[in-house]
Amino acid sequence: MPKAYVIVTEAIKDEAGMTAYSKAAGPSIAESGARVLAFDSKTHVLEGEWHGDKTVLLEFDSPEAAQAWYDSESYGKAKPLRHAAADSNAVIVNGL
């Protein structure tokens, strides 16, 4: 089964709020078995425009595992903190 990747871009409005989000989201990521592959606030844009000032890349065992994490009760408690602290985009990208 192919891996899946979640990419989240964040335009942060409230640093303290994002710190609270990170603390709340961390356990849900660990519980899901995902790996944090990249976390960068200095994204080097090659073409076009990139949203936000922070990008996170997570690896999951499958697209279903990525969706299950995003929909989980544990991550559901963290999401509102991110929504309040940043304008975000999130996608699941299927691996090959």
C-alpha atoms as a PDB file:
ATOM      1  CA  MET A   1       0.000   0.000   0.000  1.00  0.00           C
ATOM      2  CA  PRO A   2       1.406   3.432  -0.894  1.00  0.00           C
ATOM      3  CA  LYS A   3       2.308   5.941   1.781  1.00  0.00           C
ATOM      4  CA  ALA A   4       0.422   9.218   2.103  1.00  0.00           C
ATOM      5  CA  TYR A   5       1.648  12.642   3.060  1.00  0.00           C
ATOM      6  CA  VAL A   6      -0.157  15.490   4.783  1.00  0.00           C
ATOM      7  CA  ILE A   7       1.114  18.948   3.934  1.00  0.00           C
ATOM      8  CA  VAL A   8      -0.052  21.847   6.097  1.00  0.00           C
ATOM      9  CA  THR A   9       0.824  25.459   5.389  1.00  0.00           C
ATOM     10  CA  GLU A  10       0.212  28.065   8.052  1.00  0.00           C
ATOM     11  CA  ALA A  11       0.113  31.863   7.947  1.00  0.00           C
ATOM     12  CA  ILE A  12       0.536  32.424  11.664  1.00  0.00           C
ATOM     13  CA  LYS A  13      -1.416  35.211  13.360  1.00  0.00           C
ATOM     14  CA  ASP A  14      -0.848  34.165  16.990  1.00  0.00           C
ATOM     15  CA  GLU A  15       2.457  32.519  18.014  1.00  0.00           C
ATOM     16  CA  ALA A  16       1.214  31.616  21.510  1.00  0.00           C
ATOM     17  CA  GLY A  17      -1.858  30.017  19.962  1.00  0.00           C
ATOM     18  CA  MET A  18       0.327  27.980  17.613  1.00  0.00           C
ATOM     19  CA  THR A  19       2.412  26.810  20.564  1.00  0.00           C
ATOM     20  CA  ALA A  20      -0.787  25.606  22.240  1.00  0.00           C
ATOM     21  CA  TYR A  21      -1.814  23.892  18.987  1.00  0.00           C
ATOM     22  CA  SER A  22       1.556  22.134  18.659  1.00  0.00           C
ATOM     23  CA  LYS A  23       1.294  20.794  22.199  1.00  0.00           C
ATOM     24  CA  ALA A  24      -2.237  19.543  21.519  1.00  0.00           C
ATOM     25  CA  ALA A  25      -1.478  18.095  18.063  1.00  0.00           C
ATOM     26  CA  GLY A  26       1.751  16.313  18.994  1.00  0.00           C
ATOM     27  CA  PRO A  27       0.156  13.402  20.872  1.00  0.00           C
ATOM     28  CA  SER A  28      -2.360  12.824  18.076  1.00  0.00           C
ATOM     29  CA  ILE A  29       0.482  12.565  15.560  1.00  0.00           C
ATOM     30  CA  ALA A  30       2.347  10.093  17.774  1.00  0.00           C
ATOM     31  CA  GLU A  31      -0.819   8.023  18.328  1.00  0.00           C
ATOM     32  CA  SER A  32      -1.413   7.808  14.577  1.00  0.00           C
ATOM     33  CA  GLY A  33       2.037   6.398  13.872  1.00  0.00           C
ATOM     34  CA  ALA A  34       2.828   9.277  11.511  1.00  0.00           C
ATOM     35  CA  ARG A  35       6.325  10.653  11.072  1.00  0.00           C
ATOM     36  CA  VAL A  36       7.118  14.345  10.893  1.00  0.00           C
ATOM     37  CA  LEU A  37       9.369  14.558   7.821  1.00  0.00           C
ATOM     38  CA  ALA A  38       9.732  18.331   7.606  1.00  0.00           C
ATOM     39  CA  PHE A  39       8.857  21.417   9.603  1.00  0.00           C
ATOM     40  CA  ASP A  40      10.128  24.616   8.075  1.00  0.00           C
ATOM     41  CA  SER A  41       9.549  28.323   8.443  1.00  0.00           C
ATOM     42  CA  LYS A  42      11.953  29.205   5.633  1.00  0.00           C
ATOM     43  CA  THR A  43      10.391  27.477   2.631  1.00  0.00           C
ATOM     44  CA  HIS A  44      12.322  28.114  -0.576  1.00  0.00           C
ATOM     45  CA  VAL A  45       9.732  28.765  -3.289  1.00  0.00           C
ATOM     46  CA  LEU A  46      10.818  27.640  -6.746  1.00  0.00           C
ATOM     47  CA  GLU A  47       7.761  28.797  -8.701  1.00  0.00           C
ATOM     48  CA  GLY A  48       4.573  30.708  -8.016  1.00  0.00           C
ATOM     49  CA  GLU A  49       3.464  31.755  -4.564  1.00  0.00           C
ATOM     50  CA  TRP A  50       3.437  29.576  -1.455  1.00  0.00           C
ATOM     51  CA  HIS A  51       0.860  30.095   1.257  1.00  0.00           C
ATOM     52  CA  GLY A  52       1.955  30.878   4.770  1.00  0.00           C
ATOM     53  CA  ASP A  53       5.151  31.186   6.717  1.00  0.00           C
ATOM     54  CA  LYS A  54       5.352  27.647   8.093  1.00  0.00           C
ATOM     55  CA  THR A  55       5.047  24.299   6.308  1.00  0.00           C
ATOM     56  CA  VAL A  56       4.706  20.860   7.908  1.00  0.00           C
ATOM     57  CA  LEU A  57       5.071  17.513   6.099  1.00  0.00           C
ATOM     58  CA  LEU A  58       3.778  14.334   7.770  1.00  0.00           C
ATOM     59  CA  GLU A  59       4.137  10.762   6.460  1.00  0.00           C
ATOM     60  CA  PHE A  60       1.430   8.150   7.040  1.00  0.00           C
ATOM     61  CA  ASP A  61       1.297   4.463   6.140  1.00  0.00           C
ATOM     62  CA  SER A  62      -1.680   5.022   3.826  1.00  0.00           C
ATOM     63  CA  PRO A  63      -4.168   7.624   2.650  1.00  0.00           C
ATOM     64  CA  GLU A  64      -6.720   6.020   4.960  1.00  0.00           C
ATOM     65  CA  ALA A  65      -4.390   6.417   7.949  1.00  0.00           C
ATOM     66  CA  ALA A  66      -3.866  10.084   7.087  1.00  0.00           C
ATOM     67  CA  GLN A  67      -7.606  10.700   6.855  1.00  0.00           C
ATOM     68  CA  ALA A  68      -8.238   8.758  10.075  1.00  0.00           C
ATOM     69  CA  TRP A  69      -5.716  10.962  11.904  1.00  0.00           C
ATOM     70  CA  TYR A  70      -7.264  14.162  10.533  1.00  0.00           C
ATOM     71  CA  ASP A  71     -10.754  12.983  11.529  1.00  0.00           C
ATOM     72  CA  SER A  72      -9.676  11.566  14.902  1.00  0.00           C
ATOM     73  CA  GLU A  73     -11.108  12.782  18.187  1.00  0.00           C
ATOM     74  CA  SER A  74      -7.577  13.474  19.422  1.00  0.00           C
ATOM     75  CA  TYR A  75      -6.653  15.730  16.501  1.00  0.00           C
ATOM     76  CA  GLY A  76     -10.165  17.178  16.507  1.00  0.00           C
ATOM     77  CA  LYS A  77      -9.327  18.821  19.824  1.00  0.00           C
ATOM     78  CA  ALA A  78      -6.219  20.470  18.325  1.00  0.00           C
ATOM     79  CA  LYS A  79      -7.671  21.706  15.023  1.00  0.00           C
ATOM     80  CA  PRO A  80      -9.677  24.618  16.465  1.00  0.00           C
ATOM     81  CA  LEU A  81      -6.490  25.929  18.088  1.00  0.00           C
ATOM     82  CA  ARG A  82      -4.751  25.997  14.689  1.00  0.00           C
ATOM     83  CA  HIS A  83      -7.767  27.584  13.021  1.00  0.00           C
ATOM     84  CA  ALA A  84      -7.786  30.344  15.642  1.00  0.00           C
ATOM     85  CA  ALA A  85      -4.025  30.973  15.473  1.00  0.00           C
ATOM     86  CA  ALA A  86      -3.332  30.717  11.725  1.00  0.00           C
ATOM     87  CA  ASP A  87      -4.819  30.759   8.266  1.00  0.00           C
ATOM     88  CA  SER A  88      -4.071  27.231   7.088  1.00  0.00           C
ATOM     89  CA  ASN A  89      -4.223  24.908   4.128  1.00  0.00           C
ATOM     90  CA  ALA A  90      -4.014  21.131   4.520  1.00  0.00           C
ATOM     91  CA  VAL A  91      -3.882  18.410   1.874  1.00  0.00           C
ATOM     92  CA  ILE A  92      -3.341  14.669   1.666  1.00  0.00           C
ATOM     93  CA  VAL A  93      -0.998  13.664  -1.137  1.00  0.00           C
ATOM     94  CA  ASN A  94      -0.902   9.982  -2.091  1.00  0.00           C
ATOM     95  CA  GLY A  95       2.496   8.345  -2.393  1.00  0.00           C
ATOM     96  CA  LEU A  96       3.535   6.158  -5.300  1.00  0.00           C
END
